[in-house]
Protein backbone atom coordinates (compact mmCIF):
# COMPACT_ATOMS: atom_id res chain seq x y z
CA UNK A 1 -111.95 -2.75 -118.04
CA UNK A 2 -108.48 -3.13 -119.50
CA UNK A 3 -106.51 -6.30 -120.15
CA UNK A 4 -104.71 -6.22 -116.78
CA UNK A 5 -108.01 -6.18 -114.91
CA UNK A 6 -109.37 -9.03 -117.01
CA UNK A 7 -106.29 -11.12 -116.32
CA UNK A 8 -106.57 -10.42 -112.58
CA UNK A 9 -110.15 -11.75 -112.65
CA UNK A 10 -109.10 -14.86 -114.58
CA UNK A 11 -106.01 -15.60 -112.46
CA UNK A 12 -106.56 -14.12 -108.99
CA UNK A 13 -103.69 -16.07 -107.38
CA UNK A 14 -101.05 -14.88 -109.85
CA UNK A 15 -98.66 -12.26 -108.48
CA UNK A 16 -97.04 -9.87 -110.92
CA UNK A 17 -93.33 -9.23 -110.81
CA UNK A 18 -92.04 -5.64 -110.86
CA UNK A 19 -91.11 -5.86 -114.55
CA UNK A 20 -94.57 -7.13 -115.47
CA UNK A 21 -96.24 -4.40 -113.43
CA UNK A 22 -94.18 -1.71 -115.15
CA UNK A 23 -94.78 -3.25 -118.57
CA UNK A 24 -91.09 -3.76 -119.25
CA UNK A 25 -89.91 -6.48 -121.59
CA UNK A 26 -87.53 -8.92 -120.00
CA UNK A 27 -84.37 -9.53 -122.01
CA UNK A 28 -83.83 -13.02 -123.25
CA UNK A 29 -80.70 -14.57 -121.79
CA UNK A 30 -78.17 -15.59 -124.43
CA UNK A 31 -76.11 -18.73 -124.08
CA UNK A 32 -72.64 -17.91 -122.76
CA UNK A 33 -69.68 -19.88 -124.00
CA UNK A 34 -66.16 -20.71 -122.86
CA UNK A 35 -64.42 -19.82 -126.13
CA UNK A 36 -64.16 -16.15 -127.09
CA UNK A 37 -66.01 -14.57 -130.00
CA UNK A 38 -63.70 -13.44 -132.79
CA UNK A 39 -64.02 -9.81 -133.89
CA UNK A 40 -62.31 -9.31 -137.27
CA UNK A 41 -61.81 -6.36 -139.57
CA UNK A 42 -61.81 -6.77 -143.35
CA UNK A 43 -62.11 -4.58 -146.40
CA UNK A 44 -64.66 -5.86 -148.90
CA UNK A 45 -64.84 -4.06 -152.24
CA UNK A 46 -62.93 -1.19 -150.67
CA UNK A 47 -65.38 -0.76 -147.77
CA UNK A 48 -64.53 -1.55 -144.14
CA UNK A 49 -66.50 -4.37 -142.51
CA UNK A 50 -66.47 -5.87 -139.05
CA UNK A 51 -67.11 -9.61 -138.74
CA UNK A 52 -68.05 -11.44 -135.54
CA UNK A 53 -67.85 -15.23 -135.52
CA UNK A 54 -67.24 -18.16 -133.22
CA UNK A 55 -70.59 -18.40 -131.42
CA UNK A 56 -71.31 -22.00 -130.45
CA UNK A 57 -74.85 -21.54 -129.12
CA UNK A 58 -78.19 -21.50 -130.90
CA UNK A 59 -78.15 -19.65 -134.22
CA UNK A 60 -81.43 -17.90 -133.31
CA UNK A 61 -79.71 -16.37 -130.28
CA UNK A 62 -76.87 -15.20 -132.52
CA UNK A 63 -79.41 -13.56 -134.85
CA UNK A 64 -80.92 -11.74 -131.87
CA UNK A 65 -77.45 -10.56 -130.88
CA UNK A 66 -76.84 -9.35 -134.46
CA UNK A 67 -80.04 -7.31 -134.41
CA UNK A 68 -79.18 -5.78 -131.04
CA UNK A 69 -75.71 -4.78 -132.23
CA UNK A 70 -77.04 -3.25 -135.44
CA UNK A 71 -79.69 -1.19 -133.66
CA UNK A 72 -77.36 -0.11 -130.86
CA UNK A 73 -74.64 1.05 -133.24
CA UNK A 74 -77.07 2.35 -135.87
CA UNK A 75 -75.35 0.55 -138.75
CA UNK A 76 -76.34 -1.87 -141.47
CA UNK A 77 -75.28 -5.45 -141.58
CA UNK A 78 -76.36 -9.04 -142.02
CA UNK A 79 -76.22 -12.50 -140.52
CA UNK A 80 -74.78 -15.13 -142.87
CA UNK A 81 -73.14 -18.53 -142.32
CA UNK A 82 -72.91 -18.12 -138.53
CA UNK A 83 -71.24 -14.71 -138.89
CA UNK A 84 -72.43 -11.23 -138.05
CA UNK A 85 -71.26 -8.83 -140.74
CA UNK A 86 -71.50 -5.11 -139.88
CA UNK A 87 -70.77 -2.19 -142.18
CA UNK A 88 -67.88 -0.09 -140.92
CA UNK A 89 -65.03 -0.48 -138.44
CA UNK A 90 -66.72 -0.74 -135.03
CA UNK A 91 -64.41 -3.25 -133.34
CA UNK A 92 -63.84 -1.22 -130.17
CA UNK A 93 -67.53 -0.43 -129.64
CA UNK A 94 -68.59 -4.02 -130.37
CA UNK A 95 -65.99 -5.45 -128.02
CA UNK A 96 -67.16 -3.12 -125.23
CA UNK A 97 -70.83 -4.02 -125.81
CA UNK A 98 -70.12 -7.76 -125.86
CA UNK A 99 -67.95 -7.58 -122.73
CA UNK A 100 -70.76 -5.74 -120.94
CA UNK A 101 -73.11 -8.59 -121.93
CA UNK A 102 -70.68 -11.13 -120.43
CA UNK A 103 -69.03 -12.50 -123.57
CA UNK A 104 -65.32 -13.07 -124.01
CA UNK A 105 -64.08 -11.32 -127.13
CA UNK A 106 -60.82 -11.70 -129.02
CA UNK A 107 -59.65 -9.06 -131.50
CA UNK A 108 -58.26 -10.51 -134.74
CA UNK A 109 -56.59 -8.69 -137.62
CA UNK A 110 -54.83 -5.62 -136.31
């Protein structure tokens, strides 16, 4: 008897949604904002960096967004002082990803 069967015996009235039946994780909805996120390009110690700032929601949500961007792009980076700092110049890719998620994005610095 697996866990699903045990839960069905404990909660017989509960109906599973399609995502729960398939075992898919549901994405957490991030807080959308009226003001656009700023996507900047800088050179730090000679290396290109992309900085995203201007998020007014919960900082935990912004950390989740930072992790998603880093894994999607396959780059290193960090989250410091309400900024996402990514290694490399990925402004176009980041802006496309954020627009697909429903964010407004403004390109700053060239």
